[in-house]
C-alpha atoms as a PDB file:
ATOM      1  CA  UNK A   1    -127.367  73.951   0.664  1.00  0.00           C
ATOM      2  CA  UNK A   2    -128.325  76.022  -2.723  1.00  0.00           C
ATOM      3  CA  UNK A   3    -132.209  74.787  -1.672  1.00  0.00           C
ATOM      4  CA  UNK A   4    -131.979  75.451   1.964  1.00  0.00           C
ATOM      5  CA  UNK A   5    -130.663  78.900   1.044  1.00  0.00           C
ATOM      6  CA  UNK A   6    -133.370  79.469  -1.401  1.00  0.00           C
ATOM      7  CA  UNK A   7    -135.701  79.023   1.227  1.00  0.00           C
ATOM      8  CA  UNK A   8    -134.055  81.203   3.762  1.00  0.00           C
ATOM      9  CA  UNK A   9    -134.119  84.241   1.218  1.00  0.00           C
ATOM     10  CA  UNK A  10    -137.989  83.511   0.435  1.00  0.00           C
ATOM     11  CA  UNK A  11    -138.760  83.399   4.225  1.00  0.00           C
ATOM     12  CA  UNK A  12    -137.323  86.796   4.098  1.00  0.00           C
ATOM     13  CA  UNK A  13    -138.964  88.134   1.326  1.00  0.00           C
ATOM     14  CA  UNK A  14    -142.262  86.591   2.140  1.00  0.00           C
ATOM     15  CA  UNK A  15    -141.662  87.866   5.600  1.00  0.00           C
ATOM     16  CA  UNK A  16    -140.951  91.715   4.537  1.00  0.00           C
ATOM     17  CA  UNK A  17    -144.070  91.589   2.985  1.00  0.00           C
ATOM     18  CA  UNK A  18    -146.375  90.847   5.761  1.00  0.00           C
ATOM     19  CA  UNK A  19    -144.965  93.586   7.746  1.00  0.00           C
ATOM     20  CA  UNK A  20    -145.679  96.025   5.026  1.00  0.00           C
ATOM     21  CA  UNK A  21    -148.579  94.535   4.173  1.00  0.00           C
ATOM     22  CA  UNK A  22    -149.942  94.412   8.015  1.00  0.00           C
ATOM     23  CA  UNK A  23    -148.761  98.203   8.038  1.00  0.00           C
ATOM     24  CA  UNK A  24    -150.515  99.657   5.287  1.00  0.00           C
ATOM     25  CA  UNK A  25    -153.419  97.885   5.850  1.00  0.00           C
ATOM     26  CA  UNK A  26    -156.288 100.713   3.955  1.00  0.00           C
ATOM     27  CA  UNK A  27    -159.723  98.800   5.219  1.00  0.00           C
ATOM     28  CA  UNK A  28    -160.834  96.164   7.606  1.00  0.00           C
ATOM     29  CA  UNK A  29    -160.176  92.622   5.647  1.00  0.00           C
ATOM     30  CA  UNK A  30    -163.427  90.121   4.851  1.00  0.00           C
ATOM     31  CA  UNK A  31    -161.556  87.503   7.006  1.00  0.00           C
ATOM     32  CA  UNK A  32    -161.662  90.046  10.404  1.00  0.00           C
ATOM     33  CA  UNK A  33    -166.034  90.653   9.922  1.00  0.00           C
ATOM     34  CA  UNK A  34    -168.111  88.775  12.383  1.00  0.00           C
ATOM     35  CA  UNK A  35    -165.512  87.317  14.365  1.00  0.00           C
ATOM     36  CA  UNK A  36    -167.463  87.868  17.865  1.00  0.00           C
ATOM     37  CA  UNK A  37    -164.424  89.635  19.924  1.00  0.00           C
ATOM     38  CA  UNK A  38    -165.306  91.394  23.338  1.00  0.00           C
ATOM     39  CA  UNK A  39    -163.679  95.043  23.861  1.00  0.00           C
ATOM     40  CA  UNK A  40    -161.664  94.747  26.441  1.00  0.00           C
ATOM     41  CA  UNK A  41    -161.843  98.904  26.804  1.00  0.00           C
ATOM     42  CA  UNK A  42    -158.260  99.119  26.982  1.00  0.00           C
ATOM     43  CA  UNK A  43    -157.507  99.998  23.311  1.00  0.00           C
ATOM     44  CA  UNK A  44    -156.574  96.320  22.140  1.00  0.00           C
ATOM     45  CA  UNK A  45    -155.883  95.616  18.261  1.00  0.00           C
ATOM     46  CA  UNK A  46    -157.385  92.106  17.071  1.00  0.00           C
ATOM     47  CA  UNK A  47    -156.814  92.412  12.838  1.00  0.00           C
ATOM     48  CA  UNK A  48    -155.699  90.556   9.990  1.00  0.00           C
ATOM     49  CA  UNK A  49    -153.159  93.456   9.990  1.00  0.00           C
ATOM     50  CA  UNK A  50    -151.869  93.425  13.313  1.00  0.00           C
ATOM     51  CA  UNK A  51    -151.460  89.215  12.897  1.00  0.00           C
ATOM     52  CA  UNK A  52    -149.409  89.929   9.753  1.00  0.00           C
ATOM     53  CA  UNK A  53    -146.759  92.171  11.548  1.00  0.00           C
ATOM     54  CA  UNK A  54    -146.899  89.297  14.326  1.00  0.00           C
ATOM     55  CA  UNK A  55    -145.770  86.865  11.729  1.00  0.00           C
ATOM     56  CA  UNK A  56    -143.270  88.841  10.195  1.00  0.00           C
ATOM     57  CA  UNK A  57    -141.807  89.466  13.321  1.00  0.00           C
ATOM     58  CA  UNK A  58    -141.790  85.548  14.057  1.00  0.00           C
ATOM     59  CA  UNK A  59    -140.425  84.739  10.315  1.00  0.00           C
ATOM     60  CA  UNK A  60    -137.421  87.254  10.890  1.00  0.00           C
ATOM     61  CA  UNK A  61    -136.587  86.114  14.604  1.00  0.00           C
ATOM     62  CA  UNK A  62    -136.497  82.194  13.241  1.00  0.00           C
ATOM     63  CA  UNK A  63    -134.344  83.213   9.887  1.00  0.00           C
ATOM     64  CA  UNK A  64    -131.185  83.535  12.816  1.00  0.00           C
ATOM     65  CA  UNK A  65    -131.200  80.012  13.860  1.00  0.00           C
ATOM     66  CA  UNK A  66    -131.811  79.029  10.327  1.00  0.00           C
ATOM     67  CA  UNK A  67    -128.608  80.709   9.551  1.00  0.00           C
ATOM     68  CA  UNK A  68    -127.037  79.246  12.250  1.00  0.00           C
ATOM     69  CA  UNK A  69    -127.895  75.940  10.920  1.00  0.00           C
ATOM     70  CA  UNK A  70    -126.522  76.421   7.610  1.00  0.00           C
ATOM     71  CA  UNK A  71    -123.296  77.705   9.069  1.00  0.00           C
ATOM     72  CA  UNK A  72    -123.205  74.404  10.990  1.00  0.00           C
ATOM     73  CA  UNK A  73    -123.076  72.081   8.192  1.00  0.00           C
ATOM     74  CA  UNK A  74    -121.665  74.629   5.882  1.00  0.00           C
ATOM     75  CA  UNK A  75    -118.378  74.813   8.153  1.00  0.00           C
ATOM     76  CA  UNK A  76    -118.563  71.287   9.556  1.00  0.00           C
ATOM     77  CA  UNK A  77    -118.796  72.203  12.714  1.00  0.00           C
ATOM     78  CA  UNK A  78    -120.505  68.653  13.779  1.00  0.00           C
ATOM     79  CA  UNK A  79    -123.001  70.730  16.252  1.00  0.00           C
ATOM     80  CA  UNK A  80    -125.908  68.490  17.276  1.00  0.00           C
ATOM     81  CA  UNK A  81    -128.918  69.899  15.486  1.00  0.00           C
ATOM     82  CA  UNK A  82    -130.714  70.526  18.634  1.00  0.00           C
ATOM     83  CA  UNK A  83    -127.976  72.573  19.785  1.00  0.00           C
ATOM     84  CA  UNK A  84    -127.716  75.093  17.187  1.00  0.00           C
ATOM     85  CA  UNK A  85    -128.578  78.636  17.829  1.00  0.00           C
ATOM     86  CA  UNK A  86    -127.015  81.642  16.295  1.00  0.00           C
ATOM     87  CA  UNK A  87    -126.110  83.006  19.562  1.00  0.00           C
ATOM     88  CA  UNK A  88    -124.198  80.162  20.745  1.00  0.00           C
ATOM     89  CA  UNK A  89    -122.738  78.719  17.534  1.00  0.00           C
ATOM     90  CA  UNK A  90    -119.533  80.561  18.058  1.00  0.00           C
ATOM     91  CA  UNK A  91    -118.341  79.252  21.352  1.00  0.00           C
ATOM     92  CA  UNK A  92    -116.799  75.856  21.828  1.00  0.00           C
ATOM     93  CA  UNK A  93    -117.285  75.456  25.518  1.00  0.00           C
ATOM     94  CA  UNK A  94    -120.311  77.297  27.422  1.00  0.00           C
ATOM     95  CA  UNK A  95    -119.778  75.855  30.452  1.00  0.00           C
ATOM     96  CA  UNK A  96    -117.429  78.798  31.637  1.00  0.00           C
ATOM     97  CA  UNK A  97    -117.034  82.600  31.421  1.00  0.00           C
ATOM     98  CA  UNK A  98    -115.521  84.224  29.239  1.00  0.00           C
ATOM     99  CA  UNK A  99    -116.932  81.864  26.738  1.00  0.00           C
ATOM    100  CA  UNK A 100    -113.744  80.428  24.060  1.00  0.00           C
ATOM    101  CA  UNK A 101    -114.901  81.621  20.380  1.00  0.00           C
ATOM    102  CA  UNK A 102    -114.684  77.968  18.304  1.00  0.00           C
ATOM    103  CA  UNK A 103    -111.162  77.426  16.555  1.00  0.00           C
ATOM    104  CA  UNK A 104    -113.198  77.326  13.259  1.00  0.00           C
ATOM    105  CA  UNK A 105    -114.231  80.905  13.749  1.00  0.00           C
ATOM    106  CA  UNK A 106    -111.574  82.272  16.029  1.00  0.00           C
ATOM    107  CA  UNK A 107    -108.320  81.283  13.322  1.00  0.00           C
ATOM    108  CA  UNK A 108    -110.759  82.050  10.257  1.00  0.00           C
ATOM    109  CA  UNK A 109    -109.575  84.989   7.456  1.00  0.00           C
ATOM    110  CA  UNK A 110    -113.232  85.948   6.723  1.00  0.00           C
ATOM    111  CA  UNK A 111    -114.190  89.428   8.046  1.00  0.00           C
ATOM    112  CA  UNK A 112    -117.593  88.973   6.782  1.00  0.00           C
ATOM    113  CA  UNK A 113    -118.204  85.258   8.921  1.00  0.00           C
ATOM    114  CA  UNK A 114    -116.661  87.933  11.658  1.00  0.00           C
ATOM    115  CA  UNK A 115    -119.079  90.732  11.143  1.00  0.00           C
ATOM    116  CA  UNK A 116    -121.966  87.777  11.605  1.00  0.00           C
ATOM    117  CA  UNK A 117    -120.455  86.789  14.579  1.00  0.00           C
ATOM    118  CA  UNK A 118    -120.439  90.967  15.730  1.00  0.00           C
ATOM    119  CA  UNK A 119    -124.052  90.704  14.747  1.00  0.00           C
ATOM    120  CA  UNK A 120    -125.159  87.852  17.103  1.00  0.00           C
ATOM    121  CA  UNK A 121    -124.280  89.706  19.826  1.00  0.00           C
ATOM    122  CA  UNK A 122    -127.229  92.159  18.919  1.00  0.00           C
ATOM    123  CA  UNK A 123    -129.713  89.251  20.525  1.00  0.00           C
ATOM    124  CA  UNK A 124    -130.529  88.442  24.070  1.00  0.00           C
ATOM    125  CA  UNK A 125    -129.817  85.349  25.416  1.00  0.00           C
ATOM    126  CA  UNK A 126    -130.297  84.620  29.233  1.00  0.00           C
ATOM    127  CA  UNK A 127    -126.472  82.753  29.254  1.00  0.00           C
ATOM    128  CA  UNK A 128    -125.222  85.719  27.336  1.00  0.00           C
ATOM    129  CA  UNK A 129    -126.450  88.933  28.898  1.00  0.00           C
ATOM    130  CA  UNK A 130    -124.231  91.204  27.403  1.00  0.00           C
ATOM    131  CA  UNK A 131    -125.919  92.406  24.374  1.00  0.00           C
ATOM    132  CA  UNK A 132    -124.630  95.464  21.919  1.00  0.00           C
ATOM    133  CA  UNK A 133    -128.618  96.142  20.522  1.00  0.00           C
ATOM    134  CA  UNK A 134    -130.962  98.262  22.805  1.00  0.00           C
ATOM    135  CA  UNK A 135    -133.795  96.517  21.877  1.00  0.00           C
ATOM    136  CA  UNK A 136    -132.364  93.062  22.326  1.00  0.00           C
ATOM    137  CA  UNK A 137    -134.239  92.597  25.625  1.00  0.00           C
ATOM    138  CA  UNK A 138    -137.493  93.534  23.929  1.00  0.00           C
ATOM    139  CA  UNK A 139    -136.933  91.155  20.723  1.00  0.00           C
ATOM    140  CA  UNK A 140    -136.436  88.617  23.396  1.00  0.00           C
ATOM    141  CA  UNK A 141    -139.606  89.024  25.224  1.00  0.00           C
ATOM    142  CA  UNK A 142    -141.549  89.706  22.394  1.00  0.00           C
ATOM    143  CA  UNK A 143    -140.471  86.573  20.430  1.00  0.00           C
ATOM    144  CA  UNK A 144    -141.294  84.984  23.707  1.00  0.00           C
ATOM    145  CA  UNK A 145    -144.721  85.888  24.308  1.00  0.00           C
ATOM    146  CA  UNK A 146    -145.772  86.069  20.751  1.00  0.00           C
ATOM    147  CA  UNK A 147    -144.391  82.032  21.064  1.00  0.00           C
ATOM    148  CA  UNK A 148    -145.793  80.792  24.179  1.00  0.00           C
ATOM    149  CA  UNK A 149    -148.187  83.340  25.868  1.00  0.00           C
ATOM    150  CA  UNK A 150    -149.778  86.499  25.658  1.00  0.00           C
ATOM    151  CA  UNK A 151    -148.896  90.021  23.608  1.00  0.00           C
ATOM    152  CA  UNK A 152    -151.155  92.494  23.833  1.00  0.00           C
ATOM    153  CA  UNK A 153    -151.081  94.857  21.057  1.00  0.00           C
ATOM    154  CA  UNK A 154    -152.736  98.097  21.637  1.00  0.00           C
ATOM    155  CA  UNK A 155    -153.766 101.503  19.955  1.00  0.00           C
ATOM    156  CA  UNK A 156    -151.939 103.163  22.588  1.00  0.00           C
ATOM    157  CA  UNK A 157    -150.222 102.467  25.925  1.00  0.00           C
ATOM    158  CA  UNK A 158    -152.463 103.895  28.832  1.00  0.00           C
ATOM    159  CA  UNK A 159    -149.221 105.796  30.762  1.00  0.00           C
ATOM    160  CA  UNK A 160    -146.979 104.889  33.435  1.00  0.00           C
ATOM    161  CA  UNK A 161    -149.932 103.973  35.366  1.00  0.00           C
ATOM    162  CA  UNK A 162    -150.801 100.663  33.271  1.00  0.00           C
ATOM    163  CA  UNK A 163    -147.469  99.319  34.573  1.00  0.00           C
ATOM    164  CA  UNK A 164    -148.665  99.373  38.271  1.00  0.00           C
ATOM    165  CA  UNK A 165    -150.623  96.583  39.482  1.00  0.00           C
ATOM    166  CA  UNK A 166    -152.774  98.756  41.721  1.00  0.00           C
ATOM    167  CA  UNK A 167    -153.809 100.650  38.585  1.00  0.00           C
ATOM    168  CA  UNK A 168    -157.219  99.728  37.080  1.00  0.00           C
ATOM    169  CA  UNK A 169    -155.824  98.890  33.704  1.00  0.00           C
ATOM    170  CA  UNK A 170    -152.872  96.927  34.708  1.00  0.00           C
ATOM    171  CA  UNK A 171    -152.613  93.738  32.757  1.00  0.00           C
ATOM    172  CA  UNK A 172    -150.277  90.870  34.558  1.00  0.00           C
ATOM    173  CA  UNK A 173    -150.988  88.475  32.473  1.00  0.00           C
ATOM    174  CA  UNK A 174    -150.018  90.235  28.970  1.00  0.00           C
ATOM    175  CA  UNK A 175    -146.748  92.116  27.663  1.00  0.00           C
ATOM    176  CA  UNK A 176    -148.053  95.217  26.570  1.00  0.00           C
ATOM    177  CA  UNK A 177    -146.731  96.946  22.992  1.00  0.00           C
ATOM    178  CA  UNK A 178    -148.241  99.932  21.097  1.00  0.00           C
ATOM    179  CA  UNK A 179    -149.079  99.051  17.675  1.00  0.00           C
ATOM    180  CA  UNK A 180    -146.449 101.348  16.077  1.00  0.00           C
ATOM    181  CA  UNK A 181    -143.735  99.968  18.615  1.00  0.00           C
ATOM    182  CA  UNK A 182    -144.249  96.460  17.532  1.00  0.00           C
ATOM    183  CA  UNK A 183    -144.214  97.753  13.600  1.00  0.00           C
ATOM    184  CA  UNK A 184    -140.910  99.812  14.264  1.00  0.00           C
ATOM    185  CA  UNK A 185    -139.392  96.803  15.968  1.00  0.00           C
ATOM    186  CA  UNK A 186    -140.297  94.501  13.621  1.00  0.00           C
ATOM    187  CA  UNK A 187    -139.006  96.086  10.576  1.00  0.00           C
ATOM    188  CA  UNK A 188    -135.363  97.008  12.843  1.00  0.00           C
ATOM    189  CA  UNK A 189    -135.346  93.243  13.343  1.00  0.00           C
ATOM    190  CA  UNK A 190    -135.869  92.731   9.757  1.00  0.00           C
ATOM    191  CA  UNK A 191    -132.926  95.033   8.941  1.00  0.00           C
ATOM    192  CA  UNK A 192    -131.185  92.983  11.539  1.00  0.00           C
ATOM    193  CA  UNK A 193    -132.017  89.711   9.326  1.00  0.00           C
ATOM    194  CA  UNK A 194    -131.045  91.336   6.091  1.00  0.00           C
ATOM    195  CA  UNK A 195    -127.414  92.341   7.703  1.00  0.00           C
ATOM    196  CA  UNK A 196    -126.976  88.543   8.383  1.00  0.00           C
ATOM    197  CA  UNK A 197    -127.755  87.370   5.225  1.00  0.00           C
ATOM    198  CA  UNK A 198    -125.403  90.051   3.426  1.00  0.00           C
ATOM    199  CA  UNK A 199    -123.124  88.973   5.799  1.00  0.00           C
ATOM    200  CA  UNK A 200    -123.232  84.900   5.283  1.00  0.00           C
ATOM    201  CA  UNK A 201    -123.480  85.507   1.502  1.00  0.00           C
ATOM    202  CA  UNK A 202    -120.330  87.468   1.630  1.00  0.00           C
ATOM    203  CA  UNK A 203    -118.567  84.648   3.925  1.00  0.00           C
ATOM    204  CA  UNK A 204    -119.400  82.015   1.449  1.00  0.00           C
ATOM    205  CA  UNK A 205    -117.819  83.901  -1.359  1.00  0.00           C
ATOM    206  CA  UNK A 206    -114.827  84.176   0.473  1.00  0.00           C
ATOM    207  CA  UNK A 207    -114.477  80.404   1.887  1.00  0.00           C
ATOM    208  CA  UNK A 208    -115.279  79.473  -1.944  1.00  0.00           C
ATOM    209  CA  UNK A 209    -112.532  81.640  -3.328  1.00  0.00           C
ATOM    210  CA  UNK A 210    -110.170  80.647  -0.269  1.00  0.00           C
ATOM    211  CA  UNK A 211    -110.627  76.726  -1.226  1.00  0.00           C
ATOM    212  CA  UNK A 212    -110.075  77.419  -5.239  1.00  0.00           C
ATOM    213  CA  UNK A 213    -107.320  79.545  -5.011  1.00  0.00           C
ATOM    214  CA  UNK A 214    -104.030  76.891  -5.630  1.00  0.00           C
ATOM    215  CA  UNK A 215    -106.444  74.221  -6.711  1.00  0.00           C
ATOM    216  CA  UNK A 216    -105.616  72.592 -10.751  1.00  0.00           C
ATOM    217  CA  UNK A 217    -109.612  72.825 -11.627  1.00  0.00           C
ATOM    218  CA  UNK A 218    -108.760  72.021 -15.276  1.00  0.00           C
ATOM    219  CA  UNK A 219    -110.066  68.328 -14.761  1.00  0.00           C
ATOM    220  CA  UNK A 220    -113.538  69.651 -13.131  1.00  0.00           C
ATOM    221  CA  UNK A 221    -116.679  70.527 -15.603  1.00  0.00           C
ATOM    222  CA  UNK A 222    -118.254  73.414 -14.546  1.00  0.00           C
ATOM    223  CA  UNK A 223    -122.406  73.652 -13.144  1.00  0.00           C
ATOM    224  CA  UNK A 224    -124.245  76.324 -13.980  1.00  0.00           C
ATOM    225  CA  UNK A 225    -127.937  76.502 -12.046  1.00  0.00           C
ATOM    226  CA  UNK A 226    -130.384  78.330 -13.774  1.00  0.00           C
ATOM    227  CA  UNK A 227    -132.559  81.066 -12.201  1.00  0.00           C
ATOM    228  CA  UNK A 228    -136.524  79.832 -11.033  1.00  0.00           C
ATOM    229  CA  UNK A 229    -138.597  81.560 -13.410  1.00  0.00           C
ATOM    230  CA  UNK A 230    -141.597  83.545 -11.773  1.00  0.00           C
ATOM    231  CA  UNK A 231    -144.277  81.780 -13.248  1.00  0.00           C
ATOM    232  CA  UNK A 232    -143.175  78.846 -11.458  1.00  0.00           C
ATOM    233  CA  UNK A 233    -143.623  80.808  -7.934  1.00  0.00           C
ATOM    234  CA  UNK A 234    -147.173  79.723  -7.667  1.00  0.00           C
END
């Protein structure tokens, strides 16, 4: 579990750097030179910097399900790994509405985990259309386009006519998004991920403290793990 949590934190830190580096690129990267691309005349953005922001978005979105996978093991929920998702982890039965919250969470005196549950409502899912976060549907659409089809990043949008089928610039194949908007939504997503990791850490601290209450620890030997030295991170 410690190794798993290390990996989640590392992915968060690396994704955060990709976002910063992708939004603060001072010049054309050498890997972009001599790449044969045609100008589609609709202000496209094609560069390593843009791809870094896309990668950052993918990393951030994937962390939510990894938090769910972590909780499935930590809380001994015994959910089939193929069915573990951050949005649905909390519910015992999804066949009827309103979805009942699992007893492991509903009867739990753990406010950070309750915060994590409410944070899950900030993500959109077809089964759970009621969301709190205004950007939730956009997060969902961007993630699906990044993973499965075509997200077109543009320097600027072509105005409201670009969304009409009879407009010359209409692209029914792509999900259009301005470069600045993609960066801002990715930053917003990282803020939600950061909150989720804080809730997870505080929730685990609450659970471990509760388990130790009333126990005789005189016969146990404490073990302290050393920190991983920065010189090993190569």
